[in-house]
Protein backbone atom coordinates (compact mmCIF):
# COMPACT_ATOMS: atom_id res chain seq x y z
CA LEU A 1 66.13 103.50 175.86
CA ALA A 2 64.41 103.78 172.56
CA PRO A 3 65.41 106.62 170.39
CA PRO A 4 63.23 109.80 171.35
CA HIS A 5 61.82 109.85 167.82
CA ALA A 6 60.73 106.31 167.77
CA ARG A 7 59.05 106.73 171.22
CA LEU A 8 57.36 109.81 170.09
CA ALA A 9 55.97 108.09 167.01
CA VAL A 10 54.72 105.07 168.99
CA ALA A 11 53.36 107.44 171.63
CA VAL A 12 51.43 109.65 169.12
CA ALA A 13 49.79 106.42 167.70
CA LEU A 14 48.89 104.78 170.74
CA ALA A 15 47.69 107.97 172.48
CA ALA A 16 45.12 108.63 169.89
CA LEU A 17 44.21 105.00 169.85
CA ALA A 18 44.00 104.33 173.72
CA ILE A 19 41.83 107.35 174.54
CA GLY A 20 39.26 106.62 171.80
CA CYS A 21 38.83 109.36 169.27
CA VAL A 22 39.82 112.82 170.10
CA GLY A 23 39.18 114.87 166.92
CA ALA A 24 36.19 117.08 166.29
CA VAL A 25 34.42 118.72 163.47
CA ARG A 26 31.78 120.68 165.28
CA THR A 27 32.69 124.37 165.93
CA ALA A 28 29.83 125.44 167.99
CA PRO A 29 30.69 128.43 170.25
CA HIS A 30 32.82 127.72 173.13
CA ARG A 31 35.35 129.38 175.53
CA ARG A 32 38.53 130.72 174.33
CA SER A 33 41.65 128.52 173.87
CA HIS A 34 44.16 128.70 176.72
CA PRO A 35 47.84 129.18 176.43
CA HIS A 36 50.32 126.20 176.28
CA LEU A 37 51.07 124.66 179.74
CA PRO A 38 54.56 123.81 181.03
CA ASP A 39 56.06 120.22 180.65
CA ALA A 40 54.49 117.20 182.00
CA GLY A 41 56.74 116.83 185.13
CA ALA A 42 55.27 115.51 188.46
CA VAL A 43 52.66 118.03 189.64
CA SER A 44 54.03 119.56 192.94
CA GLY A 45 50.66 120.79 194.51
CA GLU A 46 47.97 123.21 194.34
CA ASN A 47 50.31 126.06 193.05
CA ASP A 48 51.50 123.96 190.23
CA PRO A 49 50.57 125.43 186.77
CA LYS A 50 48.69 122.45 185.60
CA VAL A 51 46.65 122.39 188.82
CA GLN A 52 46.01 126.13 188.64
CA TYR A 53 44.94 125.71 185.02
CA HIS A 54 42.46 122.88 185.94
CA LEU A 55 41.05 124.92 188.86
CA ASN A 56 40.73 128.08 186.97
CA TYR A 57 39.14 126.35 183.97
CA ILE A 58 36.27 125.45 186.46
CA LYS A 59 36.12 128.76 188.15
CA ASP A 60 36.03 130.76 184.92
CA PHE A 61 32.58 128.98 184.50
CA GLY A 62 31.30 130.32 187.98
CA TYR A 63 31.88 127.33 189.93
CA PRO A 64 33.94 126.62 193.12
CA ALA A 65 36.84 124.36 192.59
CA GLU A 66 39.16 122.61 195.12
CA TYR A 67 42.30 120.58 194.91
CA HIS A 68 42.89 117.62 197.31
CA THR A 69 45.44 114.81 197.57
CA THR A 70 45.17 111.42 199.32
CA VAL A 71 47.82 108.55 199.76
CA THR A 72 47.09 104.84 198.81
CA GLU A 73 47.82 102.04 200.99
CA ASP A 74 51.07 101.43 198.95
CA GLY A 75 52.13 104.95 199.04
CA TYR A 76 50.90 106.63 195.74
CA VAL A 77 49.71 110.13 196.18
CA LEU A 78 46.40 110.77 194.34
CA ALA A 79 45.04 114.20 193.22
CA LEU A 80 41.29 114.76 193.40
CA PHE A 81 39.53 117.85 192.11
CA ARG A 82 36.20 118.84 193.60
CA ILE A 83 33.28 121.05 192.70
CA PRO A 84 31.50 121.18 196.27
CA HIS A 85 28.37 122.73 194.76
CA GLY A 86 26.83 124.51 191.81
CA ARG A 87 26.96 128.11 190.89
CA ALA A 88 25.67 130.43 193.46
CA THR A 89 22.93 131.64 191.15
CA LYS A 90 21.37 128.04 190.94
CA ALA A 91 18.70 127.52 193.74
CA GLY A 92 19.38 124.18 195.40
CA ALA A 93 22.88 123.73 194.13
CA ASP A 94 24.46 123.43 197.58
CA GLY A 95 25.98 119.90 197.25
CA SER A 96 23.40 118.60 199.83
CA LYS A 97 22.03 115.86 197.71
CA GLY A 98 25.07 113.66 198.19
CA THR A 99 28.56 112.88 196.69
CA VAL A 100 29.28 111.70 193.20
CA VAL A 101 32.69 110.40 191.97
CA CYS A 102 33.56 110.72 188.26
CA GLN A 103 36.58 108.56 187.35
CA HIS A 104 38.35 109.08 184.17
CA GLY A 105 39.60 106.40 181.59
CA LEU A 106 42.93 105.24 180.22
CA LEU A 107 45.46 108.12 179.44
CA GLY A 108 42.70 110.57 180.87
CA SER A 109 42.36 112.85 183.76
CA SER A 110 39.72 114.62 185.82
CA PHE A 111 39.95 117.33 183.33
CA GLY A 112 37.81 115.52 181.00
CA TRP A 113 34.81 116.00 183.08
CA VAL A 114 34.92 119.65 182.91
CA VAL A 115 36.18 120.62 179.46
CA ASN A 116 32.88 121.12 178.09
CA LEU A 117 30.30 123.95 178.45
CA PRO A 118 28.30 123.86 181.84
CA ASP A 119 25.22 122.48 179.88
CA GLN A 120 27.49 119.84 178.16
CA ALA A 121 29.57 118.51 180.98
CA LEU A 122 28.37 116.14 183.51
CA ALA A 123 30.38 117.53 186.38
CA TYR A 124 28.83 120.98 186.15
CA MET A 125 25.33 119.50 185.61
CA LEU A 126 25.80 117.32 188.71
CA ALA A 127 26.92 120.36 190.71
CA ASP A 128 24.07 122.43 189.53
CA ALA A 129 21.49 119.59 190.52
CA GLY A 130 22.79 119.88 194.05
CA TYR A 131 25.71 117.19 194.30
CA ASP A 132 29.11 117.35 195.72
CA VAL A 133 31.16 116.36 192.76
CA TRP A 134 34.64 114.65 192.93
CA MET A 135 37.12 113.79 190.18
CA PRO A 136 40.02 111.62 191.24
CA ASN A 137 43.17 110.97 189.13
CA SER A 138 44.63 107.44 188.76
CA ARG A 139 48.13 106.91 189.66
CA GLY A 140 50.75 107.63 187.11
CA ASN A 141 48.74 110.40 185.29
CA THR A 142 50.03 114.01 185.11
CA PHE A 143 48.12 114.91 188.22
CA SER A 144 49.06 111.73 190.35
CA ARG A 145 52.69 111.42 189.73
CA ASN A 146 54.05 111.33 193.25
CA SER A 147 54.64 108.67 196.00
CA THR A 148 55.46 108.68 199.73
CA VAL A 149 57.50 105.61 199.10
CA VAL A 150 59.37 105.58 195.88
CA ASP A 151 60.88 108.23 193.64
CA PRO A 152 58.51 109.09 190.74
CA THR A 153 61.40 109.02 188.40
CA SER A 154 62.21 105.50 189.33
CA ALA A 155 61.43 102.30 187.57
CA ALA A 156 59.66 101.16 190.85
CA PHE A 157 57.03 103.94 190.59
CA TRP A 158 55.88 102.87 187.18
CA ASP A 159 55.51 99.13 188.22
CA PHE A 160 51.67 99.27 188.16
CA SER A 161 48.77 98.47 185.89
CA TRP A 162 45.05 98.78 186.58
CA ASP A 163 45.42 95.85 188.92
CA GLU A 164 46.86 98.41 191.58
CA GLN A 165 44.41 101.04 190.38
CA SER A 166 41.41 98.83 191.45
CA ARG A 167 43.03 97.29 194.64
CA TYR A 168 44.51 100.48 196.04
CA ASP A 169 43.26 103.68 194.24
CA ILE A 170 39.65 103.09 194.32
CA PRO A 171 39.49 102.20 198.20
CA ALA A 172 41.89 105.30 198.94
CA VAL A 173 39.48 107.44 197.01
CA TYR A 174 36.55 106.12 198.82
CA ASP A 175 37.96 106.60 202.21
CA TYR A 176 39.11 110.04 201.79
CA ILE A 177 35.99 111.45 200.03
CA LEU A 178 33.71 109.83 202.55
CA GLN A 179 35.82 111.07 205.44
CA VAL A 180 35.71 114.63 204.14
CA THR A 181 32.14 114.67 203.30
CA GLY A 182 30.74 112.89 206.24
CA ASP A 183 28.51 110.87 203.86
CA ALA A 184 27.89 107.16 204.29
CA SER A 185 27.95 106.25 200.46
CA LEU A 186 28.51 107.90 197.21
CA ALA A 187 27.55 107.41 193.49
CA TYR A 188 30.35 106.32 191.17
CA VAL A 189 30.61 107.24 187.44
CA GLY A 190 33.28 105.54 185.62
CA HIS A 191 34.38 106.05 181.96
CA SER A 192 36.35 103.42 180.05
CA GLN A 193 39.24 102.16 182.28
CA GLY A 194 37.28 104.08 185.21
CA THR A 195 34.75 101.10 184.80
CA THR A 196 37.53 98.56 184.47
CA GLN A 197 39.08 99.55 187.78
CA MET A 198 35.51 99.10 189.53
CA PHE A 199 34.74 95.88 187.75
CA GLY A 200 38.25 94.60 189.00
CA ALA A 201 37.41 95.96 192.58
CA LEU A 202 34.05 94.33 192.63
CA SER A 203 35.36 91.12 191.57
CA THR A 204 37.89 91.00 194.40
CA PRO A 205 35.94 89.87 197.60
CA GLU A 206 38.34 91.69 199.91
CA ILE A 207 37.82 94.91 197.99
CA ALA A 208 34.32 94.53 197.27
CA LYS A 209 33.28 94.33 200.85
CA LEU A 210 34.84 97.89 201.12
CA ILE A 211 33.16 99.25 198.18
CA VAL A 212 29.68 97.65 197.75
CA PRO A 213 28.05 98.96 201.07
CA ARG A 214 29.32 102.46 200.26
CA THR A 215 28.10 102.74 196.62
CA SER A 216 24.68 103.89 196.08
CA HIS A 217 24.83 103.86 192.30
CA TYR A 218 27.43 102.73 189.76
CA PHE A 219 27.12 104.26 186.20
CA ALA A 220 29.46 102.67 183.75
CA LEU A 221 30.08 104.81 180.69
CA ALA A 222 31.77 102.83 177.62
CA PRO A 223 32.08 99.84 180.09
CA VAL A 224 35.45 97.85 179.44
CA ALA A 225 36.41 94.47 180.58
CA TYR A 226 36.94 92.03 177.89
CA VAL A 227 38.60 93.63 174.72
CA ASN A 228 39.23 90.92 172.29
CA ASN A 229 36.75 92.29 169.77
CA VAL A 230 37.86 95.89 169.76
CA GLU A 231 37.49 97.01 166.18
CA SER A 232 40.62 99.09 166.12
CA ARG A 233 43.06 97.25 163.70
CA LEU A 234 45.91 99.51 164.99
CA LEU A 235 45.26 98.32 168.58
CA HIS A 236 45.12 94.57 167.39
CA ASP A 237 48.45 95.06 165.40
CA LEU A 238 50.36 96.83 168.15
CA ALA A 239 49.22 94.18 170.72
CA LYS A 240 50.33 91.51 168.16
CA LEU A 241 53.71 93.17 167.61
CA ASP A 242 54.20 93.34 171.45
CA ILE A 243 55.15 97.14 171.31
CA GLY A 244 54.58 97.46 174.92
CA GLU A 245 56.55 94.44 175.97
CA ILE A 246 59.37 95.76 173.83
CA LEU A 247 59.50 98.99 175.50
CA LEU A 248 59.34 97.31 178.96
CA ARG A 249 62.28 95.24 178.18
CA LEU A 250 64.09 98.24 176.80
CA GLY A 251 63.65 99.94 180.24
CA VAL A 252 61.04 102.43 179.20
CA LYS A 253 58.59 102.53 182.13
CA GLU A 254 56.45 105.64 181.50
CA TRP A 255 53.92 105.39 178.50
CA ILE A 256 54.11 108.75 176.63
CA PRO A 257 56.92 110.17 178.30
CA ASP A 258 57.03 113.05 175.82
CA GLU A 259 53.28 113.85 176.42
CA ASP A 260 54.19 117.60 176.94
CA ILE A 261 55.17 117.75 173.25
CA LEU A 262 51.73 115.99 172.43
CA ASN A 263 49.89 118.40 174.76
CA TYR A 264 51.16 121.19 172.58
CA ILE A 265 51.20 119.94 169.00
CA ASP A 266 47.48 118.19 169.28
CA PRO A 267 45.76 121.34 170.39
CA GLU A 268 47.42 123.45 167.71
CA LEU A 269 46.61 120.95 164.90
CA CYS A 270 42.94 120.91 165.94
CA ARG A 271 42.83 124.61 166.26
CA ILE A 272 44.60 125.44 163.07
CA ALA A 273 43.15 122.72 160.88
CA PRO A 274 40.07 120.86 162.48
CA PRO A 275 39.54 118.98 159.21
CA ILE A 276 42.90 117.56 159.13
CA CYS A 277 42.98 116.99 162.82
CA SER A 278 39.64 114.94 162.58
CA SER A 279 40.62 113.13 159.55
CA LEU A 280 43.92 112.06 160.96
CA LEU A 281 42.63 111.00 164.34
CA ALA A 282 39.77 109.23 162.78
CA ALA A 283 41.93 107.27 160.62
CA VAL A 284 44.07 106.17 163.68
CA ALA A 285 41.04 105.62 165.92
CA GLY A 286 38.23 104.64 163.72
CA CYS A 287 35.84 106.84 165.44
CA SER A 288 32.88 109.20 164.43
CA LEU A 289 33.92 112.79 165.30
CA LYS A 290 30.97 114.67 164.48
CA LEU A 291 29.30 115.21 167.85
CA LYS A 292 32.37 117.02 169.45
CA ASN A 293 33.11 120.74 169.74
CA VAL A 294 36.40 121.63 168.32
CA THR A 295 37.44 124.13 171.01
CA ALA A 296 36.63 121.68 173.84
CA VAL A 297 38.74 119.08 172.11
CA SER A 298 41.61 121.66 171.61
CA ASN A 299 41.36 122.52 175.30
CA TYR A 300 41.08 118.79 176.37
CA LEU A 301 44.42 118.00 174.54
CA ARG A 302 46.18 120.56 176.79
CA ILE A 303 46.08 118.02 179.40
CA GLU A 304 45.32 114.80 177.57
CA PRO A 305 46.87 112.29 177.03
CA ALA A 306 47.74 112.33 180.66
CA GLY A 307 50.06 109.41 180.84
CA THR A 308 50.23 105.87 182.51
CA SER A 309 52.69 103.15 182.87
CA VAL A 310 54.16 100.97 180.03
CA LYS A 311 53.19 98.00 182.34
CA ASN A 312 49.55 99.28 182.12
CA ILE A 313 49.69 99.11 178.20
CA VAL A 314 51.15 95.69 178.29
CA HIS A 315 48.30 94.51 180.58
CA TRP A 316 45.78 95.69 177.97
CA SER A 317 47.67 94.08 175.16
CA GLN A 318 47.47 90.80 177.01
CA GLU A 319 43.72 91.19 177.31
CA VAL A 320 43.32 91.92 173.53
CA LYS A 321 45.41 89.03 172.63
CA ARG A 322 43.99 86.35 174.89
CA ASP A 323 40.46 87.42 175.34
CA VAL A 324 40.60 87.29 179.24
CA PHE A 325 39.79 89.56 182.02
CA GLN A 326 42.69 88.78 184.59
CA MET A 327 45.48 90.22 186.49
CA PHE A 328 48.73 91.14 184.88
CA ASP A 329 50.70 88.15 183.39
CA TYR A 330 54.52 88.35 184.34
CA GLU A 331 55.07 85.82 181.46
CA ASP A 332 57.04 83.56 183.69
CA PRO A 333 55.54 80.89 186.20
CA GLN A 334 57.94 81.53 188.92
CA LYS A 335 57.41 85.22 188.86
CA ASN A 336 53.67 84.71 188.83
CA ILE A 337 54.05 82.41 191.78
CA ASP A 338 56.10 85.22 193.55
CA HIS A 339 53.32 87.63 193.01
CA TYR A 340 50.22 85.45 193.02
CA LYS A 341 51.42 82.25 194.72
CA ARG A 342 50.38 80.53 191.55
CA PRO A 343 52.08 79.96 188.13
CA THR A 344 49.32 81.69 186.22
CA PRO A 345 47.56 85.11 186.94
CA PRO A 346 44.17 85.02 188.81
CA PRO A 347 41.19 85.82 186.77
CA TYR A 348 38.66 88.53 187.67
CA ASP A 349 35.57 86.28 187.82
CA LEU A 350 32.91 88.64 186.65
CA SER A 351 30.23 85.83 186.90
CA LYS A 352 30.59 86.24 190.98
CA ILE A 353 31.07 90.07 190.91
CA GLN A 354 29.31 91.88 193.80
CA LEU A 355 27.30 94.73 192.41
CA PRO A 356 25.60 97.72 194.31
CA ASN A 357 21.94 97.94 194.61
CA SER A 358 21.93 100.27 191.26
CA THR A 359 24.10 99.63 188.44
CA VAL A 360 23.61 101.20 184.99
CA PHE A 361 25.79 100.73 181.75
CA PHE A 362 25.80 103.24 178.83
CA ALA A 363 27.29 101.56 175.60
CA GLY A 364 27.98 103.17 172.30
CA GLY A 365 27.15 101.81 169.02
CA TRP A 366 30.36 103.19 167.16
CA ASP A 367 32.61 102.56 170.18
CA VAL A 368 35.94 100.79 168.93
CA LEU A 369 37.16 100.17 172.36
CA ALA A 370 34.14 99.24 174.45
CA ASP A 371 32.94 97.11 171.38
CA PRO A 372 29.41 96.01 171.49
CA THR A 373 30.17 92.51 171.24
CA ASP A 374 32.51 92.60 174.28
CA VAL A 375 29.96 94.80 176.17
CA ASN A 376 27.12 91.99 175.36
CA HIS A 377 29.45 89.42 176.89
CA LEU A 378 29.79 91.60 179.92
CA ILE A 379 26.05 91.78 180.16
CA LEU A 380 25.71 88.05 179.93
CA LEU A 381 28.20 87.67 182.99
CA MET A 382 26.26 90.33 184.77
CA GLN A 383 23.18 88.12 184.40
CA GLU A 384 24.96 85.07 185.55
CA ALA A 385 26.27 87.01 188.64
CA THR A 386 22.69 88.49 189.61
CA LYS A 387 20.67 85.44 189.08
CA ASN A 388 19.89 85.05 192.66
CA ASP A 389 19.18 88.76 193.03
CA PRO A 390 17.85 89.92 189.59
CA LYS A 391 17.04 93.47 190.94
CA LYS A 392 20.84 94.14 190.76
CA PHE A 393 21.13 93.21 187.10
CA PRO A 394 22.40 96.38 185.28
CA PHE A 395 20.14 98.26 183.03
CA THR A 396 21.80 99.14 179.74
CA TYR A 397 21.24 102.21 177.61
CA LYS A 398 22.57 101.71 174.10
CA VAL A 399 23.50 104.93 172.54
CA ASN A 400 23.91 103.98 168.95
CA PRO A 401 25.42 107.17 167.61
CA TYR A 402 28.25 107.21 170.28
CA ASP A 403 31.99 106.47 169.98
CA HIS A 404 34.30 106.04 172.96
CA LEU A 405 34.87 109.54 173.99
CA ASP A 406 31.37 110.98 173.06
CA PHE A 407 30.35 109.84 176.61
CA ILE A 408 32.40 112.60 178.07
CA LEU A 409 32.90 115.11 175.19
CA ALA A 410 29.76 115.05 173.06
CA THR A 411 27.81 118.21 172.92
CA ASN A 412 24.57 116.42 173.19
CA ALA A 413 25.53 114.00 175.93
CA PHE A 414 22.77 115.29 178.19
CA ASP A 415 19.96 113.88 175.95
CA TYR A 416 21.59 110.34 175.88
CA VAL A 417 23.54 109.95 179.00
CA TYR A 418 23.49 112.75 181.77
CA ASP A 419 19.68 113.30 181.99
CA PRO A 420 19.07 109.57 182.64
CA ILE A 421 21.89 109.73 185.24
CA LEU A 422 20.44 112.82 187.03
CA LYS A 423 16.89 111.22 186.87
CA ILE A 424 18.21 107.94 188.41
CA LEU A 425 20.12 109.75 191.25
CA ALA A 426 16.95 111.62 191.83
CA GLY A 427 15.14 108.53 192.62
CA GLY A 428 13.94 107.38 189.18
CA SER A 429 14.07 103.95 187.74
CA PRO A 430 16.52 103.23 184.70
CA GLY A 431 14.51 103.24 181.38
CA GLU A 432 11.55 105.20 182.66
CA GLU A 433 12.29 108.00 180.27
CA GLU A 434 12.42 105.67 177.08
């Protein structure tokens, strides 16, 4: 294994980079900070301290909160948090309007959807508007670190990338939620890699046929597919240096194995010295930090970064270097043949993607990860995919002031993102309010 100090140094740099920008300069009133949580081992169930922290965080705002688990076809145990309805004091907030799934991004977790105040966080707004809100956790993050097939501490557990999250996690989430709710369909809100997973699923015919008929709306916040034009110099340099590949060859399977240390250091830094926290993370991630609440970010960092596999990071590095949107490349023709029955990894052909009836993009002007150039490329591919059914062409809201994490952490996200989502869910057409 790489020395602990070396792993931690790489982890700190990549954690801040991969999840966007996580500093803050606004100090608007917010809830109190919470005590440090235990280490980042596998969550063992509803009584686990991290699960209880997440549930109580929601309940402290007056909302009901539930913890669920489901098992994927390949045996991974996924954790889901649920807000079945809004606050009791809110008329019509009974969850009867339908089901909405909010899927986090790379190194994130369900906690990101609830960390802000009720008038600033999408999950609470949806619940108060009458929706049944579900927040799944992708395999390998701190809440979904278990399996019915392999030991979570084994190398075999970490042998996944977002390929498997698209192929197995999304269908498992759909099956479980719709079985519990009895609904025929749901609305899907993805952020960052949460959109990547959906793009992969919708570009895979055998998965798309399970997803499209059961998706009423697809909202893509900071949509990510192609990433060759990411403006982060650090991400390009780390991809060029093959940091992920080196760690993989050294036998390091889990990305940010010391995340419990980060979950303690980062919040304390942001709490004690917000300007230093902001300046440091801005330098690393290249983001604008002015729209976030410092206390919310401090609380956010008590769970995030929530971890993933080294293989997943290697997959992203491949995408950056090669300007492709394809399955994981094993860098060996025979290994690719073993996995794909072909010497090269199959592409995800977005020009033939199957979209739900309503798809809406929200793209940031200052997003260094979902770069505007790459988003424009994605939009052109959507145009090709919908040429025979132009009604399915995604409408795009361009939110010029936003960086990558503003879509879930900005204090004014209601104005730019959440209000349009609520109006579209209620039957409005995209762009009507502009």
